[in-house]
Amino acid sequence: MSQFAAALGGTLTAIGVGAVMVGRSWPAPTGRHRALRAAAPAVLRPVEALDQFEAYCPAEDRPTLQLHLRLGGSLCTECRNDTTGVPQ
């Protein structure tokens, strides 16, 4: 092998290793800046969304808009907390 080929091979290897190191250290979006989301609750039926009233929500610790559910119970529109047994 000639000295030129050895020098060329060494140079290309050094450039390749440098490119890999720069590529791995490059800032990539990780998604950590986004807020964590809870699992999406089941979508309410349009009929349920029509029956609204205001009542106390223990999770929010204040009166909020509530929904009467078709099968009984109620649901807070702010936090989706089940407020069925909470005194109004």
C-alpha atoms as a PDB file:
ATOM      1  CA  MET A   1       0.000   0.000   0.000  1.00  0.00           C
ATOM      2  CA  SER A   2       1.398   3.375  -0.899  1.00  0.00           C
ATOM      3  CA  GLN A   3       1.910   6.144   1.588  1.00  0.00           C
ATOM      4  CA  PHE A   4      -0.654   8.272  -0.227  1.00  0.00           C
ATOM      5  CA  ALA A   5      -3.371   5.621   0.112  1.00  0.00           C
ATOM      6  CA  ALA A   6      -2.558   5.163   3.820  1.00  0.00           C
ATOM      7  CA  ALA A   7      -2.739   8.924   4.415  1.00  0.00           C
ATOM      8  CA  LEU A   8      -5.994   9.180   2.476  1.00  0.00           C
ATOM      9  CA  GLY A   9      -7.520   6.272   4.425  1.00  0.00           C
ATOM     10  CA  GLY A  10      -6.483   7.790   7.745  1.00  0.00           C
ATOM     11  CA  THR A  11      -7.888  11.185   6.773  1.00  0.00           C
ATOM     12  CA  LEU A  12     -11.235   9.726   5.674  1.00  0.00           C
ATOM     13  CA  THR A  13     -11.455   7.678   8.879  1.00  0.00           C
ATOM     14  CA  ALA A  14     -10.771  10.757  11.027  1.00  0.00           C
ATOM     15  CA  ILE A  15     -13.380  12.764   9.110  1.00  0.00           C
ATOM     16  CA  GLY A  16     -15.941   9.957   9.481  1.00  0.00           C
ATOM     17  CA  VAL A  17     -15.361   9.600  13.235  1.00  0.00           C
ATOM     18  CA  GLY A  18     -15.578  13.382  13.663  1.00  0.00           C
ATOM     19  CA  ALA A  19     -18.824  13.542  11.701  1.00  0.00           C
ATOM     20  CA  VAL A  20     -20.366  10.792  13.839  1.00  0.00           C
ATOM     21  CA  MET A  21     -19.322  12.574  17.050  1.00  0.00           C
ATOM     22  CA  VAL A  22     -20.786  15.883  15.863  1.00  0.00           C
ATOM     23  CA  GLY A  23     -23.973  14.186  14.694  1.00  0.00           C
ATOM     24  CA  ARG A  24     -24.524  12.438  18.032  1.00  0.00           C
ATOM     25  CA  SER A  25     -23.937  15.589  20.053  1.00  0.00           C
ATOM     26  CA  TRP A  26     -26.238  17.700  17.872  1.00  0.00           C
ATOM     27  CA  PRO A  27     -29.311  18.830  19.850  1.00  0.00           C
ATOM     28  CA  ALA A  28     -32.286  16.743  18.844  1.00  0.00           C
ATOM     29  CA  PRO A  29     -35.889  17.382  19.885  1.00  0.00           C
ATOM     30  CA  THR A  30     -36.685  15.039  22.766  1.00  0.00           C
ATOM     31  CA  GLY A  31     -40.212  16.190  23.524  1.00  0.00           C
ATOM     32  CA  ARG A  32     -39.306  16.982  27.129  1.00  0.00           C
ATOM     33  CA  HIS A  33     -40.375  20.609  26.707  1.00  0.00           C
ATOM     34  CA  ARG A  34     -43.966  19.553  26.182  1.00  0.00           C
ATOM     35  CA  ALA A  35     -46.360  19.195  29.069  1.00  0.00           C
ATOM     36  CA  LEU A  36     -47.334  15.690  30.048  1.00  0.00           C
ATOM     37  CA  ARG A  37     -50.842  14.774  29.050  1.00  0.00           C
ATOM     38  CA  ALA A  38     -53.084  12.352  30.807  1.00  0.00           C
ATOM     39  CA  ALA A  39     -54.828   9.704  28.786  1.00  0.00           C
ATOM     40  CA  ALA A  40     -57.679  11.232  26.839  1.00  0.00           C
ATOM     41  CA  PRO A  41     -61.004  10.447  28.492  1.00  0.00           C
ATOM     42  CA  ALA A  42     -63.846   9.025  26.490  1.00  0.00           C
ATOM     43  CA  VAL A  43     -65.627  11.599  24.389  1.00  0.00           C
ATOM     44  CA  LEU A  44     -69.003  12.631  25.768  1.00  0.00           C
ATOM     45  CA  ARG A  45     -72.098  12.059  23.718  1.00  0.00           C
ATOM     46  CA  PRO A  46     -73.748  15.222  22.365  1.00  0.00           C
ATOM     47  CA  VAL A  47     -76.860  14.486  24.455  1.00  0.00           C
ATOM     48  CA  GLU A  48     -74.778  14.579  27.644  1.00  0.00           C
ATOM     49  CA  ALA A  49     -73.155  17.859  26.718  1.00  0.00           C
ATOM     50  CA  LEU A  50     -76.551  19.599  26.633  1.00  0.00           C
ATOM     51  CA  ASP A  51     -77.426  18.959  30.293  1.00  0.00           C
ATOM     52  CA  GLN A  52     -75.088  21.342  32.156  1.00  0.00           C
ATOM     53  CA  PHE A  53     -75.212  22.813  35.655  1.00  0.00           C
ATOM     54  CA  GLU A  54     -72.829  24.502  38.081  1.00  0.00           C
ATOM     55  CA  ALA A  55     -71.706  22.652  41.226  1.00  0.00           C
ATOM     56  CA  TYR A  56     -68.744  22.250  43.573  1.00  0.00           C
ATOM     57  CA  CYS A  57     -65.798  20.194  42.298  1.00  0.00           C
ATOM     58  CA  PRO A  58     -63.507  18.798  45.047  1.00  0.00           C
ATOM     59  CA  ALA A  59     -60.532  18.487  42.679  1.00  0.00           C
ATOM     60  CA  GLU A  60     -60.757  22.139  41.585  1.00  0.00           C
ATOM     61  CA  ASP A  61     -61.929  23.251  45.076  1.00  0.00           C
ATOM     62  CA  ARG A  62     -64.447  25.666  43.578  1.00  0.00           C
ATOM     63  CA  PRO A  63     -67.782  25.659  41.760  1.00  0.00           C
ATOM     64  CA  THR A  64     -67.367  24.597  38.127  1.00  0.00           C
ATOM     65  CA  LEU A  65     -69.562  23.676  35.195  1.00  0.00           C
ATOM     66  CA  GLN A  66     -70.782  20.074  35.494  1.00  0.00           C
ATOM     67  CA  LEU A  67     -72.489  17.649  33.132  1.00  0.00           C
ATOM     68  CA  HIS A  68     -75.270  15.204  34.004  1.00  0.00           C
ATOM     69  CA  LEU A  69     -74.388  11.838  32.477  1.00  0.00           C
ATOM     70  CA  ARG A  70     -77.050   9.804  30.736  1.00  0.00           C
ATOM     71  CA  LEU A  71     -76.461   6.708  32.842  1.00  0.00           C
ATOM     72  CA  GLY A  72     -76.437   8.676  36.101  1.00  0.00           C
ATOM     73  CA  GLY A  73     -73.775  10.678  37.834  1.00  0.00           C
ATOM     74  CA  SER A  74     -72.064  13.927  36.986  1.00  0.00           C
ATOM     75  CA  LEU A  75     -68.735  15.016  35.558  1.00  0.00           C
ATOM     76  CA  CYS A  76     -66.660  18.203  35.956  1.00  0.00           C
ATOM     77  CA  THR A  77     -65.901  19.900  32.632  1.00  0.00           C
ATOM     78  CA  GLU A  78     -62.635  21.433  33.892  1.00  0.00           C
ATOM     79  CA  CYS A  79     -60.813  18.342  35.167  1.00  0.00           C
ATOM     80  CA  ARG A  80     -63.105  15.472  34.059  1.00  0.00           C
ATOM     81  CA  ASN A  81     -63.396  14.392  37.696  1.00  0.00           C
ATOM     82  CA  ASP A  82     -66.391  12.235  38.612  1.00  0.00           C
ATOM     83  CA  THR A  83     -68.452  14.360  41.030  1.00  0.00           C
ATOM     84  CA  THR A  84     -71.337  11.944  41.501  1.00  0.00           C
ATOM     85  CA  GLY A  85     -71.271  11.646  45.312  1.00  0.00           C
ATOM     86  CA  VAL A  86     -70.206  15.240  46.088  1.00  0.00           C
ATOM     87  CA  PRO A  87     -72.825  17.346  47.902  1.00  0.00           C
ATOM     88  CA  GLN A  88     -73.966  20.313  45.878  1.00  0.00           C
END
